[in-house]
């Protein structure tokens, strides 16, 4: 990915990835494994979306769009589109780009 000039450009680019649907009856470990693969979008349910929104303060939030990390790790971006919820695990380079564009600190 070429260096995006704006946050909007970055978000548009990362939302062009493959989307992995949420399987029925998925347990917690399987869901964490599925949403932890960088470079693709994973559909999540509403409960998962709110779990990550509420368990720790987001590193960044704008409306229904937020970035999550537990510590010094790559960010995970969540968003809502209509009545569907999505997550994308960033690479470390994507995390650095996102932090630069949003003017937030890199997770540490």
PDB file of N, CA and C in Angstrom:
ATOM      1  N   UNK A   1       0.855  -1.173   0.000  1.00  0.00           N
ATOM      2  CA  UNK A   1       0.000   0.000   0.000  1.00  0.00           C
ATOM      3  C   UNK A   1       0.900   1.235   0.000  1.00  0.00           C
ATOM      4  N   UNK A   2       0.639   2.179  -0.900  1.00  0.00           N
ATOM      5  CA  UNK A   2       1.393   3.431  -0.895  1.00  0.00           C
ATOM      6  C   UNK A   2       0.950   4.251   0.311  1.00  0.00           C
ATOM      7  N   UNK A   3       1.795   5.120   0.773  1.00  0.00           N
ATOM      8  CA  UNK A   3       1.506   5.915   1.965  1.00  0.00           C
ATOM      9  C   UNK A   3       0.300   6.815   1.722  1.00  0.00           C
ATOM     10  N   UNK A   4      -0.788   6.597   2.444  1.00  0.00           N
ATOM     11  CA  UNK A   4      -1.982   7.432   2.266  1.00  0.00           C
ATOM     12  C   UNK A   4      -1.757   8.824   2.850  1.00  0.00           C
ATOM     13  N   UNK A   5      -2.361   9.797   2.205  1.00  0.00           N
ATOM     14  CA  UNK A   5      -2.211  11.186   2.633  1.00  0.00           C
ATOM     15  C   UNK A   5      -3.182  11.552   3.750  1.00  0.00           C
ATOM     16  N   UNK A   6      -4.318  10.862   3.810  1.00  0.00           N
ATOM     17  CA  UNK A   6      -5.340  11.198   4.804  1.00  0.00           C
ATOM     18  C   UNK A   6      -5.858   9.921   5.473  1.00  0.00           C
ATOM     19  N   UNK A   7      -6.483  10.102   6.626  1.00  0.00           N
ATOM     20  CA  UNK A   7      -7.104   8.977   7.317  1.00  0.00           C
ATOM     21  C   UNK A   7      -8.182   8.359   6.449  1.00  0.00           C
ATOM     22  N   UNK A   8      -8.938   9.184   5.769  1.00  0.00           N
ATOM     23  CA  UNK A   8     -10.004   8.674   4.896  1.00  0.00           C
ATOM     24  C   UNK A   8      -9.420   7.759   3.815  1.00  0.00           C
ATOM     25  N   UNK A   9      -8.338   8.193   3.177  1.00  0.00           N
ATOM     26  CA  UNK A   9      -7.685   7.371   2.152  1.00  0.00           C
ATOM     27  C   UNK A   9      -7.226   6.035   2.733  1.00  0.00           C
ATOM     28  N   UNK A  10      -6.660   6.087   3.935  1.00  0.00           N
ATOM     29  CA  UNK A  10      -6.176   4.882   4.593  1.00  0.00           C
ATOM     30  C   UNK A  10      -7.327   3.916   4.876  1.00  0.00           C
ATOM     31  N   UNK A  11      -8.412   4.431   5.442  1.00  0.00           N
ATOM     32  CA  UNK A  11      -9.557   3.581   5.787  1.00  0.00           C
ATOM     33  C   UNK A  11     -10.189   2.982   4.535  1.00  0.00           C
ATOM     34  N   UNK A  12     -10.337   3.780   3.499  1.00  0.00           N
ATOM     35  CA  UNK A  12     -10.883   3.259   2.240  1.00  0.00           C
ATOM     36  C   UNK A  12     -10.001   2.117   1.731  1.00  0.00           C
ATOM     37  N   UNK A  13      -8.689   2.292   1.780  1.00  0.00           N
ATOM     38  CA  UNK A  13      -7.767   1.264   1.283  1.00  0.00           C
ATOM     39  C   UNK A  13      -7.841  -0.014   2.101  1.00  0.00           C
ATOM     40  N   UNK A  14      -7.857   0.087   3.424  1.00  0.00           N
ATOM     41  CA  UNK A  14      -7.858  -1.134   4.233  1.00  0.00           C
ATOM     42  C   UNK A  14      -9.201  -1.856   4.198  1.00  0.00           C
ATOM     43  N   UNK A  15     -10.266  -1.139   3.863  1.00  0.00           N
ATOM     44  CA  UNK A  15     -11.579  -1.784   3.793  1.00  0.00           C
ATOM     45  C   UNK A  15     -11.803  -2.500   2.466  1.00  0.00           C
ATOM     46  N   UNK A  16     -10.788  -2.567   1.636  1.00  0.00           N
ATOM     47  CA  UNK A  16     -10.878  -3.285   0.365  1.00  0.00           C
ATOM     48  C   UNK A  16     -10.389  -4.728   0.481  1.00  0.00           C
ATOM     49  N   UNK A  17     -10.054  -5.162   1.668  1.00  0.00           N
ATOM     50  CA  UNK A  17      -9.518  -6.509   1.878  1.00  0.00           C
ATOM     51  C   UNK A  17     -10.623  -7.564   1.837  1.00  0.00           C
ATOM     52  N   UNK A  18     -10.179  -8.815   1.749  1.00  0.00           N
ATOM     53  CA  UNK A  18     -11.088  -9.960   1.834  1.00  0.00           C
ATOM     54  C   UNK A  18     -11.856  -9.880   3.158  1.00  0.00           C
ATOM     55  N   UNK A  19     -13.152 -10.185   3.129  1.00  0.00           N
ATOM     56  CA  UNK A  19     -13.964 -10.225   4.341  1.00  0.00           C
ATOM     57  C   UNK A  19     -14.308 -11.668   4.667  1.00  0.00           C
ATOM     58  N   UNK A  20     -13.983 -12.062   5.893  1.00  0.00           N
ATOM     59  CA  UNK A  20     -14.255 -13.412   6.365  1.00  0.00           C
ATOM     60  C   UNK A  20     -15.544 -13.366   7.187  1.00  0.00           C
ATOM     61  N   UNK A  21     -16.574 -14.119   6.775  1.00  0.00           N
ATOM     62  CA  UNK A  21     -17.840 -14.092   7.507  1.00  0.00           C
ATOM     63  C   UNK A  21     -17.715 -14.731   8.891  1.00  0.00           C
ATOM     64  N   UNK A  22     -18.634 -14.389   9.752  1.00  0.00           N
ATOM     65  CA  UNK A  22     -18.685 -14.950  11.103  1.00  0.00           C
ATOM     66  C   UNK A  22     -19.418 -16.283  11.045  1.00  0.00           C
ATOM     67  N   UNK A  23     -18.752 -17.372  11.437  1.00  0.00           N
ATOM     68  CA  UNK A  23     -19.416 -18.680  11.428  1.00  0.00           C
ATOM     69  C   UNK A  23     -20.444 -18.794  12.552  1.00  0.00           C
ATOM     70  N   UNK A  24     -21.429 -19.616  12.343  1.00  0.00           N
ATOM     71  CA  UNK A  24     -22.403 -19.906  13.397  1.00  0.00           C
ATOM     72  C   UNK A  24     -21.714 -20.668  14.525  1.00  0.00           C
ATOM     73  N   UNK A  25     -22.153 -20.427  15.737  1.00  0.00           N
ATOM     74  CA  UNK A  25     -21.679 -21.160  16.926  1.00  0.00           C
ATOM     75  C   UNK A  25     -20.171 -21.103  17.130  1.00  0.00           C
ATOM     76  N   UNK A  26     -19.554 -19.994  16.792  1.00  0.00           N
ATOM     77  CA  UNK A  26     -18.113 -19.833  16.951  1.00  0.00           C
ATOM     78  C   UNK A  26     -17.788 -19.583  18.425  1.00  0.00           C
ATOM     79  N   UNK A  27     -16.825 -20.317  18.973  1.00  0.00           N
ATOM     80  CA  UNK A  27     -16.441 -20.070  20.363  1.00  0.00           C
ATOM     81  C   UNK A  27     -15.444 -18.903  20.426  1.00  0.00           C
ATOM     82  N   UNK A  28     -15.149 -18.448  21.650  1.00  0.00           N
ATOM     83  CA  UNK A  28     -14.314 -17.268  21.858  1.00  0.00           C
ATOM     84  C   UNK A  28     -12.923 -17.440  21.247  1.00  0.00           C
ATOM     85  N   UNK A  29     -12.264 -18.569  21.513  1.00  0.00           N
ATOM     86  CA  UNK A  29     -10.913 -18.795  21.005  1.00  0.00           C
ATOM     87  C   UNK A  29     -10.883 -18.784  19.479  1.00  0.00           C
ATOM     88  N   UNK A  30     -11.843 -19.444  18.856  1.00  0.00           N
ATOM     89  CA  UNK A  30     -11.898 -19.472  17.391  1.00  0.00           C
ATOM     90  C   UNK A  30     -12.114 -18.062  16.834  1.00  0.00           C
ATOM     91  N   UNK A  31     -12.957 -17.276  17.506  1.00  0.00           N
ATOM     92  CA  UNK A  31     -13.200 -15.905  17.056  1.00  0.00           C
ATOM     93  C   UNK A  31     -11.939 -15.066  17.180  1.00  0.00           C
ATOM     94  N   UNK A  32     -11.227 -15.191  18.305  1.00  0.00           N
ATOM     95  CA  UNK A  32      -9.985 -14.434  18.490  1.00  0.00           C
ATOM     96  C   UNK A  32      -8.967 -14.832  17.424  1.00  0.00           C
ATOM     97  N   UNK A  33      -8.842 -16.108  17.153  1.00  0.00           N
ATOM     98  CA  UNK A  33      -7.919 -16.565  16.107  1.00  0.00           C
ATOM     99  C   UNK A  33      -8.307 -15.978  14.747  1.00  0.00           C
ATOM    100  N   UNK A  34      -9.603 -15.960  14.448  1.00  0.00           N
ATOM    101  CA  UNK A  34     -10.078 -15.476  13.146  1.00  0.00           C
ATOM    102  C   UNK A  34      -9.858 -13.981  12.981  1.00  0.00           C
ATOM    103  N   UNK A  35     -10.077 -13.196  14.037  1.00  0.00           N
ATOM    104  CA  UNK A  35      -9.928 -11.742  13.914  1.00  0.00           C
ATOM    105  C   UNK A  35      -8.485 -11.281  14.089  1.00  0.00           C
ATOM    106  N   UNK A  36      -7.578 -12.203  14.395  1.00  0.00           N
ATOM    107  CA  UNK A  36      -6.181 -11.848  14.643  1.00  0.00           C
ATOM    108  C   UNK A  36      -5.283 -11.989  13.420  1.00  0.00           C
ATOM    109  N   UNK A  37      -5.847 -12.304  12.285  1.00  0.00           N
ATOM    110  CA  UNK A  37      -5.061 -12.432  11.055  1.00  0.00           C
ATOM    111  C   UNK A  37      -4.990 -11.058  10.384  1.00  0.00           C
ATOM    112  N   UNK A  38      -3.787 -10.524  10.276  1.00  0.00           N
ATOM    113  CA  UNK A  38      -3.613  -9.209   9.661  1.00  0.00           C
ATOM    114  C   UNK A  38      -3.902  -9.277   8.167  1.00  0.00           C
ATOM    115  N   UNK A  39      -4.413  -8.167   7.643  1.00  0.00           N
ATOM    116  CA  UNK A  39      -4.605  -8.049   6.205  1.00  0.00           C
ATOM    117  C   UNK A  39      -5.960  -8.460   5.688  1.00  0.00           C
ATOM    118  N   UNK A  40      -6.844  -8.882   6.558  1.00  0.00           N
ATOM    119  CA  UNK A  40      -8.193  -9.225   6.110  1.00  0.00           C
ATOM    120  C   UNK A  40      -9.211  -8.680   7.106  1.00  0.00           C
ATOM    121  N   UNK A  41     -10.434  -8.597   6.658  1.00  0.00           N
ATOM    122  CA  UNK A  41     -11.532  -8.107   7.482  1.00  0.00           C
ATOM    123  C   UNK A  41     -12.309  -9.307   7.985  1.00  0.00           C
ATOM    124  N   UNK A  42     -12.645  -9.280   9.267  1.00  0.00           N
ATOM    125  CA  UNK A  42     -13.445 -10.351   9.855  1.00  0.00           C
ATOM    126  C   UNK A  42     -14.749  -9.757  10.361  1.00  0.00           C
ATOM    127  N   UNK A  43     -15.849 -10.353   9.948  1.00  0.00           N
ATOM    128  CA  UNK A  43     -17.136  -9.921  10.490  1.00  0.00           C
ATOM    129  C   UNK A  43     -17.253 -10.440  11.915  1.00  0.00           C
ATOM    130  N   UNK A  44     -17.757  -9.604  12.809  1.00  0.00           N
ATOM    131  CA  UNK A  44     -17.973  -9.991  14.206  1.00  0.00           C
ATOM    132  C   UNK A  44     -19.420  -9.686  14.570  1.00  0.00           C
ATOM    133  N   UNK A  45     -19.860 -10.230  15.689  1.00  0.00           N
ATOM    134  CA  UNK A  45     -21.214  -9.914  16.131  1.00  0.00           C
ATOM    135  C   UNK A  45     -21.207  -8.658  17.008  1.00  0.00           C
ATOM    136  N   UNK A  46     -22.387  -8.169  17.297  1.00  0.00           N
ATOM    137  CA  UNK A  46     -22.535  -6.938  18.079  1.00  0.00           C
ATOM    138  C   UNK A  46     -21.921  -7.076  19.467  1.00  0.00           C
ATOM    139  N   UNK A  47     -22.082  -8.236  20.116  1.00  0.00           N
ATOM    140  CA  UNK A  47     -21.517  -8.440  21.452  1.00  0.00           C
ATOM    141  C   UNK A  47     -19.994  -8.347  21.441  1.00  0.00           C
ATOM    142  N   UNK A  48     -19.362  -8.915  20.433  1.00  0.00           N
ATOM    143  CA  UNK A  48     -17.901  -8.852  20.319  1.00  0.00           C
ATOM    144  C   UNK A  48     -17.446  -7.408  20.109  1.00  0.00           C
ATOM    145  N   UNK A  49     -18.121  -6.710  19.224  1.00  0.00           N
ATOM    146  CA  UNK A  49     -17.812  -5.307  18.956  1.00  0.00           C
ATOM    147  C   UNK A  49     -17.840  -4.503  20.263  1.00  0.00           C
ATOM    148  N   UNK A  50     -18.929  -4.649  21.038  1.00  0.00           N
ATOM    149  CA  UNK A  50     -19.051  -3.879  22.281  1.00  0.00           C
ATOM    150  C   UNK A  50     -18.098  -4.371  23.362  1.00  0.00           C
ATOM    151  N   UNK A  51     -17.768  -5.643  23.349  1.00  0.00           N
ATOM    152  CA  UNK A  51     -16.778  -6.142  24.307  1.00  0.00           C
ATOM    153  C   UNK A  51     -15.467  -5.389  24.134  1.00  0.00           C
ATOM    154  N   UNK A  52     -14.969  -5.323  22.906  1.00  0.00           N
ATOM    155  CA  UNK A  52     -13.697  -4.650  22.650  1.00  0.00           C
ATOM    156  C   UNK A  52     -13.800  -3.139  22.854  1.00  0.00           C
ATOM    157  N   UNK A  53     -14.950  -2.568  22.618  1.00  0.00           N
ATOM    158  CA  UNK A  53     -15.136  -1.138  22.850  1.00  0.00           C
ATOM    159  C   UNK A  53     -15.104  -0.807  24.339  1.00  0.00           C
ATOM    160  N   UNK A  54     -15.631  -1.717  25.161  1.00  0.00           N
ATOM    161  CA  UNK A  54     -15.814  -1.408  26.583  1.00  0.00           C
ATOM    162  C   UNK A  54     -14.764  -2.005  27.513  1.00  0.00           C
ATOM    163  N   UNK A  55     -13.999  -3.016  27.072  1.00  0.00           N
ATOM    164  CA  UNK A  55     -13.057  -3.679  27.970  1.00  0.00           C
ATOM    165  C   UNK A  55     -11.894  -2.767  28.364  1.00  0.00           C
ATOM    166  N   UNK A  56     -11.421  -1.958  27.451  1.00  0.00           N
ATOM    167  CA  UNK A  56     -10.375  -0.957  27.697  1.00  0.00           C
ATOM    168  C   UNK A  56     -10.732   0.292  26.905  1.00  0.00           C
ATOM    169  N   UNK A  57     -10.250   1.444  27.333  1.00  0.00           N
ATOM    170  CA  UNK A  57     -10.518   2.634  26.514  1.00  0.00           C
ATOM    171  C   UNK A  57      -9.879   2.468  25.132  1.00  0.00           C
ATOM    172  N   UNK A  58     -10.607   2.820  24.071  1.00  0.00           N
ATOM    173  CA  UNK A  58     -10.018   2.715  22.728  1.00  0.00           C
ATOM    174  C   UNK A  58      -8.827   3.666  22.582  1.00  0.00           C
ATOM    175  N   UNK A  59      -7.900   3.294  21.742  1.00  0.00           N
ATOM    176  CA  UNK A  59      -6.781   4.188  21.432  1.00  0.00           C
ATOM    177  C   UNK A  59      -7.267   5.356  20.586  1.00  0.00           C
ATOM    178  N   UNK A  60      -8.315   5.113  19.825  1.00  0.00           N
ATOM    179  CA  UNK A  60      -8.896   6.138  18.960  1.00  0.00           C
ATOM    180  C   UNK A  60     -10.352   5.773  18.744  1.00  0.00           C
ATOM    181  N   UNK A  61     -11.218   6.768  18.742  1.00  0.00           N
ATOM    182  CA  UNK A  61     -12.623   6.514  18.439  1.00  0.00           C
ATOM    183  C   UNK A  61     -13.220   7.722  17.744  1.00  0.00           C
ATOM    184  N   UNK A  62     -13.976   7.424  16.710  1.00  0.00           N
ATOM    185  CA  UNK A  62     -14.747   8.438  16.004  1.00  0.00           C
ATOM    186  C   UNK A  62     -16.043   7.767  15.594  1.00  0.00           C
ATOM    187  N   UNK A  63     -17.141   8.141  16.247  1.00  0.00           N
ATOM    188  CA  UNK A  63     -18.419   7.498  15.980  1.00  0.00           C
ATOM    189  C   UNK A  63     -18.354   6.014  16.302  1.00  0.00           C
ATOM    190  N   UNK A  64     -18.746   5.173  15.341  1.00  0.00           N
ATOM    191  CA  UNK A  64     -18.763   3.728  15.556  1.00  0.00           C
ATOM    192  C   UNK A  64     -17.467   3.055  15.105  1.00  0.00           C
ATOM    193  N   UNK A  65     -16.439   3.834  14.900  1.00  0.00           N
ATOM    194  CA  UNK A  65     -15.153   3.388  14.377  1.00  0.00           C
ATOM    195  C   UNK A  65     -14.130   3.547  15.501  1.00  0.00           C
ATOM    196  N   UNK A  66     -13.474   2.451  15.924  1.00  0.00           N
ATOM    197  CA  UNK A  66     -12.509   2.582  17.007  1.00  0.00           C
ATOM    198  C   UNK A  66     -11.333   1.631  16.829  1.00  0.00           C
ATOM    199  N   UNK A  67     -10.198   2.006  17.437  1.00  0.00           N
ATOM    200  CA  UNK A  67      -8.972   1.211  17.380  1.00  0.00           C
ATOM    201  C   UNK A  67      -8.665   0.685  18.774  1.00  0.00           C
ATOM    202  N   UNK A  68      -8.348  -0.603  18.850  1.00  0.00           N
ATOM    203  CA  UNK A  68      -8.122  -1.291  20.112  1.00  0.00           C
ATOM    204  C   UNK A  68      -6.757  -1.957  20.118  1.00  0.00           C
ATOM    205  N   UNK A  69      -6.091  -1.923  21.261  1.00  0.00           N
ATOM    206  CA  UNK A  69      -4.891  -2.722  21.523  1.00  0.00           C
ATOM    207  C   UNK A  69      -4.771  -2.865  23.033  1.00  0.00           C
ATOM    208  N   UNK A  70      -4.296  -4.029  23.473  1.00  0.00           N
ATOM    209  CA  UNK A  70      -4.138  -4.271  24.914  1.00  0.00           C
ATOM    210  C   UNK A  70      -2.852  -3.681  25.465  1.00  0.00           C
ATOM    211  N   UNK A  71      -1.884  -3.434  24.646  1.00  0.00           N
ATOM    212  CA  UNK A  71      -0.597  -2.914  25.094  1.00  0.00           C
ATOM    213  C   UNK A  71       0.250  -2.584  23.888  1.00  0.00           C
ATOM    214  N   UNK A  72       1.515  -2.986  23.945  1.00  0.00           N
ATOM    215  CA  UNK A  72       2.452  -2.703  22.850  1.00  0.00           C
ATOM    216  C   UNK A  72       2.263  -3.724  21.747  1.00  0.00           C
ATOM    217  N   UNK A  73       1.148  -3.611  21.054  1.00  0.00           N
ATOM    218  CA  UNK A  73       0.824  -4.523  19.952  1.00  0.00           C
ATOM    219  C   UNK A  73       0.165  -3.733  18.838  1.00  0.00           C
ATOM    220  N   UNK A  74       0.096  -4.342  17.677  1.00  0.00           N
ATOM    221  CA  UNK A  74      -0.564  -3.691  16.544  1.00  0.00           C
ATOM    222  C   UNK A  74      -2.038  -3.458  16.877  1.00  0.00           C
ATOM    223  N   UNK A  75      -2.559  -2.360  16.373  1.00  0.00           N
ATOM    224  CA  UNK A  75      -3.963  -2.023  16.604  1.00  0.00           C
ATOM    225  C   UNK A  75      -4.894  -2.963  15.850  1.00  0.00           C
ATOM    226  N   UNK A  76      -6.083  -3.048  16.364  1.00  0.00           N
ATOM    227  CA  UNK A  76      -7.176  -3.783  15.729  1.00  0.00           C
ATOM    228  C   UNK A  76      -8.285  -2.746  15.534  1.00  0.00           C
ATOM    229  N   UNK A  77      -8.748  -2.574  14.313  1.00  0.00           N
ATOM    230  CA  UNK A  77      -9.767  -1.578  14.003  1.00  0.00           C
ATOM    231  C   UNK A  77     -11.133  -2.241  13.920  1.00  0.00           C
ATOM    232  N   UNK A  78     -12.114  -1.649  14.574  1.00  0.00           N
ATOM    233  CA  UNK A  78     -13.499  -2.118  14.544  1.00  0.00           C
ATOM    234  C   UNK A  78     -14.376  -1.018  13.952  1.00  0.00           C
ATOM    235  N   UNK A  79     -15.421  -1.426  13.230  1.00  0.00           N
ATOM    236  CA  UNK A  79     -16.389  -0.462  12.733  1.00  0.00           C
ATOM    237  C   UNK A  79     -17.728  -1.148  12.516  1.00  0.00           C
ATOM    238  N   UNK A  80     -18.733  -0.301  12.454  1.00  0.00           N
ATOM    239  CA  UNK A  80     -20.100  -0.764  12.202  1.00  0.00           C
ATOM    240  C   UNK A  80     -20.546  -0.196  10.871  1.00  0.00           C
ATOM    241  N   UNK A  81     -21.213  -1.029  10.086  1.00  0.00           N
ATOM    242  CA  UNK A  81     -21.789  -0.577   8.816  1.00  0.00           C
ATOM    243  C   UNK A  81     -23.209  -1.134   8.774  1.00  0.00           C
ATOM    244  N   UNK A  82     -24.182  -0.244   8.945  1.00  0.00           N
ATOM    245  CA  UNK A  82     -25.572  -0.701   9.048  1.00  0.00           C
ATOM    246  C   UNK A  82     -25.728  -1.536  10.302  1.00  0.00           C
ATOM    247  N   UNK A  83     -26.257  -2.740  10.149  1.00  0.00           N
ATOM    248  CA  UNK A  83     -26.423  -3.620  11.310  1.00  0.00           C
ATOM    249  C   UNK A  83     -25.348  -4.710  11.359  1.00  0.00           C
ATOM    250  N   UNK A  84     -24.226  -4.478  10.674  1.00  0.00           N
ATOM    251  CA  UNK A  84     -23.111  -5.440  10.652  1.00  0.00           C
ATOM    252  C   UNK A  84     -21.870  -4.810  11.298  1.00  0.00           C
ATOM    253  N   UNK A  85     -21.024  -5.666  11.853  1.00  0.00           N
ATOM    254  CA  UNK A  85     -19.835  -5.223  12.584  1.00  0.00           C
ATOM    255  C   UNK A  85     -18.611  -5.917  12.007  1.00  0.00           C
ATOM    256  N   UNK A  86     -17.499  -5.178  11.962  1.00  0.00           N
ATOM    257  CA  UNK A  86     -16.294  -5.682  11.320  1.00  0.00           C
ATOM    258  C   UNK A  86     -15.053  -5.353  12.146  1.00  0.00           C
ATOM    259  N   UNK A  87     -13.998  -6.126  11.890  1.00  0.00           N
ATOM    260  CA  UNK A  87     -12.723  -5.943  12.571  1.00  0.00           C
ATOM    261  C   UNK A  87     -11.605  -6.203  11.571  1.00  0.00           C
ATOM    262  N   UNK A  88     -10.551  -5.430  11.681  1.00  0.00           N
ATOM    263  CA  UNK A  88      -9.348  -5.700  10.884  1.00  0.00           C
ATOM    264  C   UNK A  88      -8.135  -5.568  11.786  1.00  0.00           C
ATOM    265  N   UNK A  89      -7.377  -6.642  11.868  1.00  0.00           N
ATOM    266  CA  UNK A  89      -6.115  -6.624  12.599  1.00  0.00           C
ATOM    267  C   UNK A  89      -5.082  -5.935  11.726  1.00  0.00           C
ATOM    268  N   UNK A  90      -4.464  -4.879  12.243  1.00  0.00           N
ATOM    269  CA  UNK A  90      -3.429  -4.172  11.502  1.00  0.00           C
ATOM    270  C   UNK A  90      -2.094  -4.896  11.611  1.00  0.00           C
ATOM    271  N   UNK A  91      -1.247  -4.678  10.639  1.00  0.00           N
ATOM    272  CA  UNK A  91       0.165  -5.009  10.764  1.00  0.00           C
ATOM    273  C   UNK A  91       0.796  -3.887  11.590  1.00  0.00           C
ATOM    274  N   UNK A  92       2.062  -4.069  11.964  1.00  0.00           N
ATOM    275  CA  UNK A  92       2.730  -3.002  12.707  1.00  0.00           C
ATOM    276  C   UNK A  92       2.886  -1.759  11.832  1.00  0.00           C
ATOM    277  N   UNK A  93       3.191  -1.922  10.545  1.00  0.00           N
ATOM    278  CA  UNK A  93       3.314  -0.769   9.642  1.00  0.00           C
ATOM    279  C   UNK A  93       1.984  -0.032   9.503  1.00  0.00           C
ATOM    280  N   UNK A  94       0.888  -0.776   9.409  1.00  0.00           N
ATOM    281  CA  UNK A  94      -0.434  -0.134   9.331  1.00  0.00           C
ATOM    282  C   UNK A  94      -0.745   0.615  10.625  1.00  0.00           C
ATOM    283  N   UNK A  95      -0.344   0.037  11.750  1.00  0.00           N
ATOM    284  CA  UNK A  95      -0.545   0.703  13.043  1.00  0.00           C
ATOM    285  C   UNK A  95       0.194   2.029  13.074  1.00  0.00           C
ATOM    286  N   UNK A  96       1.435   2.037  12.639  1.00  0.00           N
ATOM    287  CA  UNK A  96       2.235   3.270  12.623  1.00  0.00           C
ATOM    288  C   UNK A  96       1.595   4.307  11.701  1.00  0.00           C
ATOM    289  N   UNK A  97       1.144   3.880  10.535  1.00  0.00           N
ATOM    290  CA  UNK A  97       0.478   4.801   9.604  1.00  0.00           C
ATOM    291  C   UNK A  97      -0.791   5.368  10.216  1.00  0.00           C
ATOM    292  N   UNK A  98      -1.616   4.508  10.810  1.00  0.00           N
ATOM    293  CA  UNK A  98      -2.862   4.946  11.439  1.00  0.00           C
ATOM    294  C   UNK A  98      -2.568   5.956  12.552  1.00  0.00           C
ATOM    295  N   UNK A  99      -1.597   5.658  13.382  1.00  0.00           N
ATOM    296  CA  UNK A  99      -1.251   6.566  14.476  1.00  0.00           C
ATOM    297  C   UNK A  99      -0.764   7.916  13.947  1.00  0.00           C
ATOM    298  N   UNK A 100       0.016   7.890  12.889  1.00  0.00           N
ATOM    299  CA  UNK A 100       0.486   9.150  12.281  1.00  0.00           C
ATOM    300  C   UNK A 100      -0.690   9.965  11.755  1.00  0.00           C
ATOM    301  N   UNK A 101      -1.609   9.303  11.059  1.00  0.00           N
ATOM    302  CA  UNK A 101      -2.736  10.014  10.461  1.00  0.00           C
ATOM    303  C   UNK A 101      -3.738  10.517  11.483  1.00  0.00           C
ATOM    304  N   UNK A 102      -3.861   9.831  12.608  1.00  0.00           N
ATOM    305  CA  UNK A 102      -4.803  10.258  13.653  1.00  0.00           C
ATOM    306  C   UNK A 102      -4.129  11.083  14.739  1.00  0.00           C
ATOM    307  N   UNK A 103      -2.802  11.187  14.643  1.00  0.00           N
ATOM    308  CA  UNK A 103      -2.001  11.944  15.621  1.00  0.00           C
ATOM    309  C   UNK A 103      -2.142  11.385  17.042  1.00  0.00           C
ATOM    310  N   UNK A 104      -2.146  10.044  17.119  1.00  0.00           N
ATOM    311  CA  UNK A 104      -2.151   9.391  18.423  1.00  0.00           C
ATOM    312  C   UNK A 104      -0.818   8.675  18.601  1.00  0.00           C
ATOM    313  N   UNK A 105      -0.522   8.312  19.834  1.00  0.00           N
ATOM    314  CA  UNK A 105       0.719   7.595  20.135  1.00  0.00           C
ATOM    315  C   UNK A 105       0.629   6.153  19.669  1.00  0.00           C
ATOM    316  N   UNK A 106       1.754   5.615  19.251  1.00  0.00           N
ATOM    317  CA  UNK A 106       1.852   4.206  18.907  1.00  0.00           C
ATOM    318  C   UNK A 106       1.676   3.418  20.210  1.00  0.00           C
ATOM    319  N   UNK A 107       0.901   2.326  20.201  1.00  0.00           N
ATOM    320  CA  UNK A 107       0.685   1.557  21.435  1.00  0.00           C
ATOM    321  C   UNK A 107       2.012   1.133  22.062  1.00  0.00           C
ATOM    322  N   UNK A 108       2.061   1.297  23.389  1.00  0.00           N
ATOM    323  CA  UNK A 108       3.289   0.905  24.112  1.00  0.00           C
ATOM    324  C   UNK A 108       2.929   0.282  25.441  1.00  0.00           C
TER     325      UNK A 108
END
